[in-house]
Amino acid sequence: MSFAIYLTGVAIFLGGLVYGAILLNVPHQWIFVGAIILLGLSIITGVKVTRQKDPTS
C-alpha cells in the first residue's frame, strides 16, 4: 500500500469525523485539537505501515 493512498483514506475518514462533530455542535477548538492529534497519529502509523523493509545483505 502506498503512503499517498493511505493518507487519502485518512483524509476522508477525518473529514467524516469532523463533519459529524460539527453536526453534534462540538466546540470548534476541540474539533481542531482532535483533528490535529488524529492527523499526527495517522502519519506516524502510515509511515510505519508503508515503510519498505531494508534489504538484508
N, C-alpha and C. Protein backbone atom coordinates (compact mmCIF):
# COMPACT_ATOMS: atom_id res chain seq x y z
N MET A 1 0.84 -1.16 0.00
CA MET A 1 0.00 0.00 0.00
C MET A 1 0.90 1.23 0.00
N SER A 2 0.58 2.21 -0.84
CA SER A 2 1.41 3.41 -0.89
C SER A 2 0.96 4.42 0.17
N PHE A 3 1.89 5.28 0.51
CA PHE A 3 1.63 6.28 1.54
C PHE A 3 0.55 7.26 1.09
N ALA A 4 0.51 7.60 -0.20
CA ALA A 4 -0.48 8.54 -0.71
C ALA A 4 -1.89 7.97 -0.60
N ILE A 5 -2.05 6.70 -0.91
CA ILE A 5 -3.36 6.05 -0.78
C ILE A 5 -3.78 6.02 0.68
N TYR A 6 -2.85 5.71 1.55
CA TYR A 6 -3.13 5.68 2.98
C TYR A 6 -3.59 7.05 3.48
N LEU A 7 -2.88 8.10 3.09
CA LEU A 7 -3.25 9.45 3.53
C LEU A 7 -4.57 9.91 2.93
N THR A 8 -4.89 9.46 1.72
CA THR A 8 -6.19 9.79 1.13
C THR A 8 -7.32 9.19 1.96
N GLY A 9 -7.15 7.94 2.36
CA GLY A 9 -8.15 7.30 3.21
C GLY A 9 -8.28 7.98 4.55
N VAL A 10 -7.16 8.38 5.12
CA VAL A 10 -7.18 9.08 6.41
C VAL A 10 -7.90 10.42 6.26
N ALA A 11 -7.65 11.14 5.17
CA ALA A 11 -8.30 12.43 4.94
C ALA A 11 -9.81 12.28 4.83
N ILE A 12 -10.27 11.25 4.13
CA ILE A 12 -11.71 11.01 4.01
C ILE A 12 -12.31 10.65 5.36
N PHE A 13 -11.63 9.79 6.11
CA PHE A 13 -12.09 9.40 7.44
C PHE A 13 -12.13 10.61 8.38
N LEU A 14 -11.07 11.41 8.37
CA LEU A 14 -11.00 12.57 9.23
C LEU A 14 -12.06 13.60 8.85
N GLY A 15 -12.30 13.76 7.57
CA GLY A 15 -13.36 14.67 7.12
C GLY A 15 -14.72 14.25 7.61
N GLY A 16 -14.98 12.95 7.59
CA GLY A 16 -16.26 12.44 8.11
C GLY A 16 -16.40 12.68 9.60
N LEU A 17 -15.32 12.47 10.35
CA LEU A 17 -15.37 12.71 11.79
C LEU A 17 -15.59 14.19 12.11
N VAL A 18 -14.89 15.06 11.39
CA VAL A 18 -15.06 16.50 11.60
C VAL A 18 -16.49 16.92 11.27
N TYR A 19 -17.02 16.44 10.16
CA TYR A 19 -18.39 16.78 9.78
C TYR A 19 -19.39 16.30 10.83
N GLY A 20 -19.20 15.08 11.33
CA GLY A 20 -20.08 14.57 12.37
C GLY A 20 -19.98 15.38 13.65
N ALA A 21 -18.77 15.81 14.00
CA ALA A 21 -18.60 16.62 15.21
C ALA A 21 -19.27 17.98 15.05
N ILE A 22 -19.21 18.54 13.85
CA ILE A 22 -19.89 19.82 13.61
C ILE A 22 -21.40 19.65 13.74
N LEU A 23 -21.93 18.55 13.21
CA LEU A 23 -23.36 18.30 13.32
C LEU A 23 -23.80 18.09 14.77
N LEU A 24 -22.89 17.59 15.60
CA LEU A 24 -23.19 17.38 17.02
C LEU A 24 -22.91 18.63 17.86
N ASN A 25 -22.57 19.72 17.20
CA ASN A 25 -22.30 21.01 17.86
C ASN A 25 -21.15 20.93 18.87
N VAL A 26 -20.11 20.18 18.53
CA VAL A 26 -18.90 20.14 19.34
C VAL A 26 -18.19 21.48 19.13
N PRO A 27 -17.65 22.09 20.20
CA PRO A 27 -16.94 23.37 20.02
C PRO A 27 -15.77 23.23 19.03
N HIS A 28 -15.59 24.28 18.24
CA HIS A 28 -14.63 24.24 17.14
C HIS A 28 -13.19 24.01 17.61
N GLN A 29 -12.82 24.54 18.77
CA GLN A 29 -11.44 24.33 19.22
C GLN A 29 -11.18 22.86 19.51
N TRP A 30 -12.17 22.13 20.00
CA TRP A 30 -11.98 20.70 20.28
C TRP A 30 -11.96 19.88 19.00
N ILE A 31 -12.72 20.31 18.00
CA ILE A 31 -12.66 19.65 16.70
C ILE A 31 -11.26 19.82 16.11
N PHE A 32 -10.72 21.03 16.21
CA PHE A 32 -9.39 21.30 15.69
C PHE A 32 -8.33 20.48 16.41
N VAL A 33 -8.40 20.44 17.74
CA VAL A 33 -7.43 19.68 18.53
C VAL A 33 -7.50 18.19 18.17
N GLY A 34 -8.70 17.64 18.10
CA GLY A 34 -8.87 16.23 17.76
C GLY A 34 -8.38 15.91 16.37
N ALA A 35 -8.64 16.80 15.43
CA ALA A 35 -8.20 16.58 14.05
C ALA A 35 -6.68 16.59 13.95
N ILE A 36 -6.02 17.51 14.65
CA ILE A 36 -4.56 17.57 14.61
C ILE A 36 -3.95 16.32 15.24
N ILE A 37 -4.51 15.87 16.36
CA ILE A 37 -3.99 14.67 17.02
C ILE A 37 -4.18 13.45 16.12
N LEU A 38 -5.37 13.28 15.54
CA LEU A 38 -5.61 12.14 14.66
C LEU A 38 -4.74 12.19 13.41
N LEU A 39 -4.52 13.38 12.88
CA LEU A 39 -3.67 13.50 11.70
C LEU A 39 -2.24 13.11 12.02
N GLY A 40 -1.74 13.55 13.16
CA GLY A 40 -0.39 13.18 13.56
C GLY A 40 -0.23 11.69 13.78
N LEU A 41 -1.19 11.09 14.48
CA LEU A 41 -1.14 9.64 14.69
C LEU A 41 -1.24 8.88 13.38
N SER A 42 -2.04 9.38 12.47
CA SER A 42 -2.20 8.72 11.17
C SER A 42 -0.91 8.77 10.35
N ILE A 43 -0.22 9.89 10.39
CA ILE A 43 1.03 10.00 9.65
C ILE A 43 2.07 9.04 10.23
N ILE A 44 2.16 8.99 11.56
CA ILE A 44 3.11 8.06 12.20
C ILE A 44 2.77 6.62 11.83
N THR A 45 1.50 6.26 11.90
CA THR A 45 1.07 4.90 11.56
C THR A 45 1.30 4.61 10.08
N GLY A 46 1.00 5.59 9.22
CA GLY A 46 1.18 5.40 7.78
C GLY A 46 2.63 5.17 7.40
N VAL A 47 3.52 5.90 8.02
CA VAL A 47 4.94 5.70 7.74
C VAL A 47 5.37 4.31 8.18
N LYS A 48 4.86 3.88 9.33
CA LYS A 48 5.23 2.56 9.84
C LYS A 48 4.68 1.44 8.95
N VAL A 49 3.45 1.60 8.49
CA VAL A 49 2.80 0.56 7.69
C VAL A 49 3.38 0.48 6.28
N THR A 50 3.66 1.63 5.67
CA THR A 50 4.07 1.64 4.27
C THR A 50 5.58 1.64 4.09
N ARG A 51 6.34 1.58 5.17
CA ARG A 51 7.80 1.60 5.07
C ARG A 51 8.31 0.34 4.39
N GLN A 52 9.26 0.52 3.50
CA GLN A 52 9.87 -0.61 2.82
C GLN A 52 10.92 -1.22 3.75
N LYS A 53 10.96 -2.52 3.77
CA LYS A 53 11.98 -3.20 4.58
C LYS A 53 13.34 -3.03 3.93
N ASP A 54 14.36 -2.84 4.74
CA ASP A 54 15.72 -2.74 4.22
C ASP A 54 16.18 -4.12 3.73
N PRO A 55 16.80 -4.16 2.55
CA PRO A 55 17.29 -5.45 2.06
C PRO A 55 18.44 -5.94 2.94
N THR A 56 18.38 -7.19 3.32
CA THR A 56 19.46 -7.77 4.12
C THR A 56 20.54 -8.29 3.20
N SER A 57 21.75 -7.83 3.40
CA SER A 57 22.82 -8.30 2.52
C SER A 57 24.01 -8.76 3.31
